[in-house]
Amino acid sequence: MKILFNKKFLKHNPDSLFEGSYRIKGFQDIEDTEANGEEFLSLIHTTDYINKFKYLCNKNDYLAEVKLSKDTWEAALTAVGLSVLASDQGDFAAVRPPGHHAYSDRSEGFCFFNNIAIATQRLVNMGKKVLIIDFDAHHGNGIQELFYRTDRVMYASIHQLYTYPMSGFPEQSGEGAGAGYTLNYPLMLNCGDKEFMQALDKLLIRGNEFCPDAVAVAAGFDGYHGDRMLNLNYTENLFFNIGFKIRRNFSHVFAVLEGGYHEDIRKLTDNFIEGVNKGAKPPKIQWDDNMAIG
């Protein structure tokens, strides 16, 4: 797994104290990857919404609490493009604007196009089953709604309870064909690595039963103890362990950056990727004196 990035992301809403460029300045040493995702938008989003968003960007208007611009439009298309590319290559798309709160026809919570949902739907259209693991500490209400009624996508989220967007309760488990394919593991205030890993272990049991062809990771780093918005206490080592465990369980893994409101996102991303890459290596064979050798 490697990082996919483009400096266009730095030009979108650069000075915001919340979802601003400060979040991704640590990725500037990564060579730009170009990928325009406009052709994939309609996999998830309505034509009316796409046109409305483009119009508001050209008018430098506001949407989802964010100041828009033509740079926002370019960044959003590139974010989708890199997310799709990451899904093909097994890479980490370090993008903004983020996406997991976005619905098919509206934006929410700094999110305009649902990057990981678009990449996932493309895989589904290719006949694949996809497990989405969302460890952003805000619940991904947009992803949940988009796949709530299908058995081709299992959405699993570990997040802080009773915070924006006030969703992601265990009883929200899917409807119709999707009944049982939405998994929510909310954590109480001040939970840390131990509680997260307990939830992840439960998630991985269900995920393995699903037998996915691909695993999409919505990688939000706002559960980190240094985050300015939320109140969880994850350490930097947790993200290595997340990557390692996921890759030990599943062979095709890709990831897309979501939230995280601090300046350590690059460090935590590197830890996650190191875990994935270590997890991809076969475990060393332990010598067993009882093994028969023919």
Protein backbone atom coordinates (compact mmCIF):
# COMPACT_ATOMS: atom_id res chain seq x y z
CA MET A 1 0.00 0.00 0.00
CA LYS A 2 1.26 3.47 -0.92
CA ILE A 3 -0.12 7.01 -0.58
CA LEU A 4 -1.95 8.75 -3.43
CA PHE A 5 -2.07 12.56 -3.11
CA ASN A 6 -2.45 15.75 -5.10
CA LYS A 7 -1.61 19.32 -4.06
CA LYS A 8 -4.98 20.46 -5.43
CA PHE A 9 -6.38 19.40 -2.07
CA LEU A 10 -4.45 22.21 -0.38
CA LYS A 11 -6.33 24.88 -2.37
CA HIS A 12 -9.83 23.89 -1.22
CA ASN A 13 -11.08 25.99 1.73
CA PRO A 14 -7.46 26.37 2.86
CA ASP A 15 -7.84 28.56 5.94
CA SER A 16 -10.63 26.74 7.79
CA LEU A 17 -9.84 26.06 11.44
CA PHE A 18 -11.75 22.80 11.11
CA GLU A 19 -11.56 20.97 7.75
CA GLY A 20 -8.66 23.10 6.48
CA SER A 21 -5.44 22.51 4.55
CA TYR A 22 -3.46 22.18 7.77
CA ARG A 23 -4.78 18.61 7.99
CA ILE A 24 -2.83 17.37 4.96
CA LYS A 25 0.26 19.58 4.78
CA GLY A 26 2.29 16.60 5.91
CA PHE A 27 1.66 14.89 2.55
CA GLN A 28 3.31 17.58 0.40
CA ASP A 29 6.40 15.45 -0.19
CA ILE A 30 4.26 12.92 -2.09
CA GLU A 31 4.40 13.28 -5.87
CA ASP A 32 1.07 14.36 -7.35
CA THR A 33 -1.16 11.68 -8.84
CA GLU A 34 -3.68 12.97 -11.38
CA ALA A 35 -7.10 11.33 -11.58
CA ASN A 36 -10.36 13.03 -12.53
CA GLY A 37 -13.34 11.20 -11.06
CA GLU A 38 -16.15 13.12 -12.77
CA GLU A 39 -17.26 10.11 -14.82
CA PHE A 40 -17.91 8.15 -11.61
CA LEU A 41 -20.06 10.71 -9.74
CA SER A 42 -23.35 9.36 -11.08
CA LEU A 43 -22.64 5.94 -9.53
CA ILE A 44 -23.86 7.49 -6.27
CA HIS A 45 -25.00 11.08 -6.79
CA THR A 46 -28.00 12.54 -8.61
CA THR A 47 -27.51 14.75 -11.66
CA ASP A 48 -29.36 17.63 -9.99
CA TYR A 49 -27.08 17.53 -6.97
CA ILE A 50 -23.89 17.31 -9.05
CA ASN A 51 -24.97 20.32 -11.12
CA LYS A 52 -25.98 22.28 -8.03
CA PHE A 53 -22.64 21.67 -6.36
CA LYS A 54 -20.70 22.69 -9.47
CA TYR A 55 -22.80 25.87 -9.78
CA LEU A 56 -22.19 26.82 -6.14
CA CYS A 57 -18.44 26.22 -6.54
CA ASN A 58 -18.36 28.56 -9.55
CA LYS A 59 -20.28 31.17 -7.52
CA ASN A 60 -17.91 30.91 -4.51
CA ASP A 61 -20.93 30.13 -2.36
CA TYR A 62 -21.27 28.14 0.87
CA LEU A 63 -22.43 24.53 1.38
CA ALA A 64 -22.14 22.12 4.32
CA GLU A 65 -20.51 24.87 6.42
CA VAL A 66 -17.75 25.25 3.84
CA LYS A 67 -16.64 28.14 1.61
CA LEU A 68 -16.63 26.82 -1.95
CA SER A 69 -14.57 27.81 -4.99
CA LYS A 70 -13.50 26.49 -8.38
CA ASP A 71 -10.60 24.92 -6.50
CA THR A 72 -13.15 23.00 -4.41
CA TRP A 73 -14.68 21.51 -7.57
CA GLU A 74 -11.25 20.42 -8.85
CA ALA A 75 -10.27 19.00 -5.47
CA ALA A 76 -13.56 17.09 -5.17
CA LEU A 77 -13.19 15.51 -8.62
CA THR A 78 -9.60 14.56 -7.87
CA ALA A 79 -10.59 13.08 -4.50
CA VAL A 80 -13.09 10.80 -6.23
CA GLY A 81 -10.56 9.88 -8.91
CA LEU A 82 -7.85 8.96 -6.42
CA SER A 83 -10.33 6.95 -4.33
CA VAL A 84 -11.27 4.88 -7.38
CA LEU A 85 -7.60 4.44 -8.28
CA ALA A 86 -6.83 3.35 -4.71
CA SER A 87 -9.60 0.74 -4.94
CA ASP A 88 -7.91 -0.75 -8.02
CA GLN A 89 -4.36 -0.65 -6.68
CA GLY A 90 -4.82 -1.34 -2.97
CA ASP A 91 -3.53 2.11 -2.00
CA PHE A 92 -4.33 4.90 0.48
CA ALA A 93 -6.02 7.97 -1.05
CA ALA A 94 -5.03 10.96 1.12
CA VAL A 95 -7.80 13.26 -0.07
CA ARG A 96 -9.98 16.19 0.86
CA PRO A 97 -12.76 17.16 0.90
CA PRO A 98 -13.78 14.06 2.85
CA GLY A 99 -16.89 12.11 1.93
CA HIS A 100 -18.51 9.73 4.42
CA HIS A 101 -21.31 12.11 5.51
CA ALA A 102 -22.45 12.86 1.94
CA TYR A 103 -25.76 11.48 0.65
CA SER A 104 -26.76 10.88 -2.96
CA ASP A 105 -28.53 14.22 -3.19
CA ARG A 106 -27.04 16.43 -0.50
CA SER A 107 -23.86 17.38 1.29
CA GLU A 108 -23.26 17.29 5.01
CA GLY A 109 -20.46 17.70 7.54
CA PHE A 110 -17.73 19.09 5.22
CA CYS A 111 -18.52 16.30 2.71
CA PHE A 112 -19.76 16.77 -0.88
CA PHE A 113 -19.09 13.58 -2.87
CA ASN A 114 -18.96 10.28 -1.00
CA ASN A 115 -15.53 9.21 -2.22
CA ILE A 116 -15.37 5.74 -0.71
CA ALA A 117 -19.01 4.97 -1.55
CA ILE A 118 -18.38 5.80 -5.21
CA ALA A 119 -15.32 3.53 -5.32
CA THR A 120 -17.31 0.82 -3.55
CA GLN A 121 -20.30 1.03 -5.90
CA ARG A 122 -17.98 0.70 -8.88
CA LEU A 123 -16.63 -2.54 -7.41
CA VAL A 124 -20.17 -3.77 -6.73
CA ASN A 125 -21.08 -3.06 -10.36
CA MET A 126 -18.15 -5.29 -11.31
CA GLY A 127 -19.76 -8.14 -9.37
CA LYS A 128 -17.76 -7.82 -6.14
CA LYS A 129 -18.86 -7.86 -2.51
CA VAL A 130 -17.30 -5.09 -0.43
CA LEU A 131 -16.78 -4.69 3.30
CA ILE A 132 -16.43 -1.04 4.37
CA ILE A 133 -14.63 -0.57 7.69
CA ASP A 134 -15.09 3.00 8.94
CA PHE A 135 -12.90 3.94 11.91
CA ASP A 136 -13.57 7.67 11.72
CA ALA A 137 -14.80 8.70 15.17
CA HIS A 138 -17.80 10.42 13.57
CA HIS A 139 -20.32 7.91 12.26
CA GLY A 140 -20.47 7.71 8.46
CA ASN A 141 -24.19 8.35 8.12
CA GLY A 142 -23.93 8.93 4.37
CA ILE A 143 -22.27 5.58 3.70
CA GLN A 144 -24.76 3.82 5.96
CA GLU A 145 -27.76 5.26 4.15
CA LEU A 146 -26.38 4.53 0.68
CA PHE A 147 -25.87 0.82 1.37
CA TYR A 148 -28.53 0.21 4.05
CA ARG A 149 -30.73 -1.96 1.82
CA THR A 150 -28.19 -4.13 -0.01
CA ASP A 151 -26.46 -7.38 0.83
CA ARG A 152 -23.59 -6.66 -1.56
CA VAL A 153 -21.95 -4.19 0.84
CA MET A 154 -21.37 -4.66 4.56
CA TYR A 155 -20.84 -1.33 6.32
CA ALA A 156 -19.16 -1.48 9.73
CA SER A 157 -18.38 1.59 11.83
CA ILE A 158 -16.54 2.12 15.11
CA HIS A 159 -17.22 5.66 16.35
CA GLN A 160 -17.90 7.92 19.32
CA LEU A 161 -21.44 7.70 20.71
CA TYR A 162 -23.72 10.74 21.04
CA THR A 163 -21.82 13.10 18.79
CA TYR A 164 -22.36 14.44 15.27
CA PRO A 165 -24.20 13.17 13.25
CA MET A 166 -26.11 11.50 16.10
CA SER A 167 -26.47 8.19 14.26
CA GLY A 168 -24.74 4.83 14.23
CA PHE A 169 -26.63 2.99 16.97
CA PRO A 170 -26.39 -0.82 17.19
CA GLU A 171 -30.06 -1.26 16.33
CA GLN A 172 -29.40 0.40 12.95
CA SER A 173 -28.51 -2.83 11.19
CA GLY A 174 -29.99 -2.60 7.69
CA GLU A 175 -33.34 -3.09 6.00
CA GLY A 176 -34.79 -5.45 3.40
CA ALA A 177 -32.06 -7.35 1.59
CA GLY A 178 -29.55 -5.39 3.69
CA ALA A 179 -30.87 -6.54 7.07
CA GLY A 180 -27.86 -7.51 9.17
CA TYR A 181 -25.32 -5.96 6.79
CA THR A 182 -24.86 -2.72 8.74
CA LEU A 183 -22.76 -3.04 11.90
CA ASN A 184 -22.38 -0.18 14.37
CA TYR A 185 -20.00 -0.27 17.33
CA PRO A 186 -20.34 3.03 19.23
CA LEU A 187 -17.80 3.84 21.94
CA MET A 188 -18.38 5.95 25.02
CA LEU A 189 -16.52 9.17 25.75
CA ASN A 190 -12.82 8.74 26.63
CA CYS A 191 -12.53 5.19 25.30
CA GLY A 192 -9.11 4.26 23.95
CA ASP A 193 -7.12 1.56 22.21
CA LYS A 194 -8.42 -1.37 24.29
CA GLU A 195 -12.09 -0.62 23.64
CA PHE A 196 -11.46 0.01 19.97
CA MET A 197 -9.63 -3.28 19.45
CA GLN A 198 -12.38 -5.18 21.26
CA ALA A 199 -14.89 -3.71 18.81
CA LEU A 200 -12.60 -4.41 15.84
CA ASP A 201 -12.27 -8.06 16.84
CA LYS A 202 -16.07 -8.42 16.82
CA LEU A 203 -16.26 -6.62 13.49
CA LEU A 204 -13.65 -8.88 11.89
CA ILE A 205 -15.56 -12.02 12.89
CA ARG A 206 -18.66 -10.72 11.09
CA GLY A 207 -16.59 -9.42 8.20
CA ASN A 208 -14.97 -12.79 7.62
CA GLU A 209 -18.39 -14.45 7.60
CA PHE A 210 -19.37 -12.00 4.81
CA CYS A 211 -16.41 -13.18 2.66
CA PRO A 212 -15.78 -9.87 0.87
CA ASP A 213 -13.88 -9.58 -2.38
CA ALA A 214 -12.50 -6.21 -1.28
CA VAL A 215 -12.23 -4.18 1.92
CA ALA A 216 -12.60 -0.40 1.81
CA VAL A 217 -11.30 1.46 4.85
CA ALA A 218 -12.77 4.88 5.67
CA ALA A 219 -9.72 6.14 7.54
CA GLY A 220 -10.62 8.99 9.86
CA PHE A 221 -8.08 9.96 12.50
CA ASP A 222 -10.33 12.02 14.80
CA GLY A 223 -10.34 9.36 17.52
CA TYR A 224 -6.69 10.27 18.16
CA HIS A 225 -6.10 11.80 21.59
CA GLY A 226 -4.82 15.04 20.02
CA ASP A 227 -7.97 15.73 17.98
CA ARG A 228 -9.60 19.12 18.51
CA MET A 229 -13.19 17.96 17.93
CA LEU A 230 -13.76 14.61 19.62
CA ASN A 231 -13.11 12.94 22.95
CA LEU A 232 -11.57 9.53 22.37
CA ASN A 233 -8.06 8.58 23.46
CA TYR A 234 -6.52 6.50 20.69
CA THR A 235 -2.73 6.40 20.63
CA GLU A 236 -0.63 6.51 17.47
CA ASN A 237 0.22 2.81 17.88
CA LEU A 238 -3.45 1.88 17.50
CA PHE A 239 -3.43 2.78 13.82
CA PHE A 240 -0.58 0.37 13.10
CA ASN A 241 -2.56 -2.37 14.83
CA ILE A 242 -5.72 -1.52 12.86
CA GLY A 243 -3.87 -1.80 9.56
CA PHE A 244 -2.09 -4.98 10.59
CA LYS A 245 -5.25 -6.76 11.76
CA ILE A 246 -7.32 -5.79 8.74
CA ARG A 247 -4.65 -6.90 6.27
CA ARG A 248 -4.04 -10.16 8.17
CA ASN A 249 -7.72 -10.95 7.65
CA PHE A 250 -8.28 -9.71 4.09
CA SER A 251 -6.13 -9.68 0.97
CA HIS A 252 -7.54 -6.75 -1.07
CA VAL A 253 -7.57 -3.64 1.11
CA PHE A 254 -7.67 0.02 0.13
CA ALA A 255 -8.25 3.15 2.18
CA VAL A 256 -9.57 6.70 1.79
CA LEU A 257 -8.88 9.56 4.19
CA GLU A 258 -11.90 10.94 6.05
CA GLY A 259 -11.69 13.11 9.18
CA GLY A 260 -9.04 14.04 11.72
CA TYR A 261 -8.65 17.59 13.01
CA HIS A 262 -5.06 17.92 14.13
CA GLU A 263 -1.61 18.06 12.52
CA ASP A 264 -0.54 14.44 13.03
CA ILE A 265 -2.57 12.86 10.22
CA ARG A 266 0.48 12.03 8.10
CA LYS A 267 2.19 10.28 10.99
CA LEU A 268 -0.92 8.25 11.80
CA THR A 269 -1.44 7.42 8.12
CA ASP A 270 2.13 6.14 7.90
CA ASN A 271 1.50 3.98 10.96
CA PHE A 272 -1.66 2.54 9.41
CA ILE A 273 0.07 1.81 6.11
CA GLU A 274 3.03 0.21 7.87
CA GLY A 275 0.56 -2.05 9.65
CA VAL A 276 -1.13 -2.99 6.38
CA ASN A 277 2.19 -3.71 4.69
CA LYS A 278 3.45 -5.77 7.62
CA GLY A 279 0.16 -7.61 7.73
CA ALA A 280 0.56 -8.54 4.06
CA LYS A 281 3.73 -10.50 4.80
CA PRO A 282 3.30 -14.20 5.57
CA PRO A 283 3.89 -15.03 9.25
CA LYS A 284 7.15 -16.76 10.05
CA ILE A 285 6.81 -20.55 10.29
CA GLN A 286 7.37 -21.65 13.87
CA TRP A 287 9.33 -24.88 14.26
CA ASP A 288 7.25 -27.63 15.80
CA ASP A 289 9.12 -30.71 17.10
CA ASN A 290 5.98 -32.77 16.64
CA MET A 291 5.77 -32.14 12.88
CA ALA A 292 6.34 -35.25 10.79
CA ILE A 293 8.93 -34.84 8.05
CA GLY A 294 8.68 -37.33 5.18
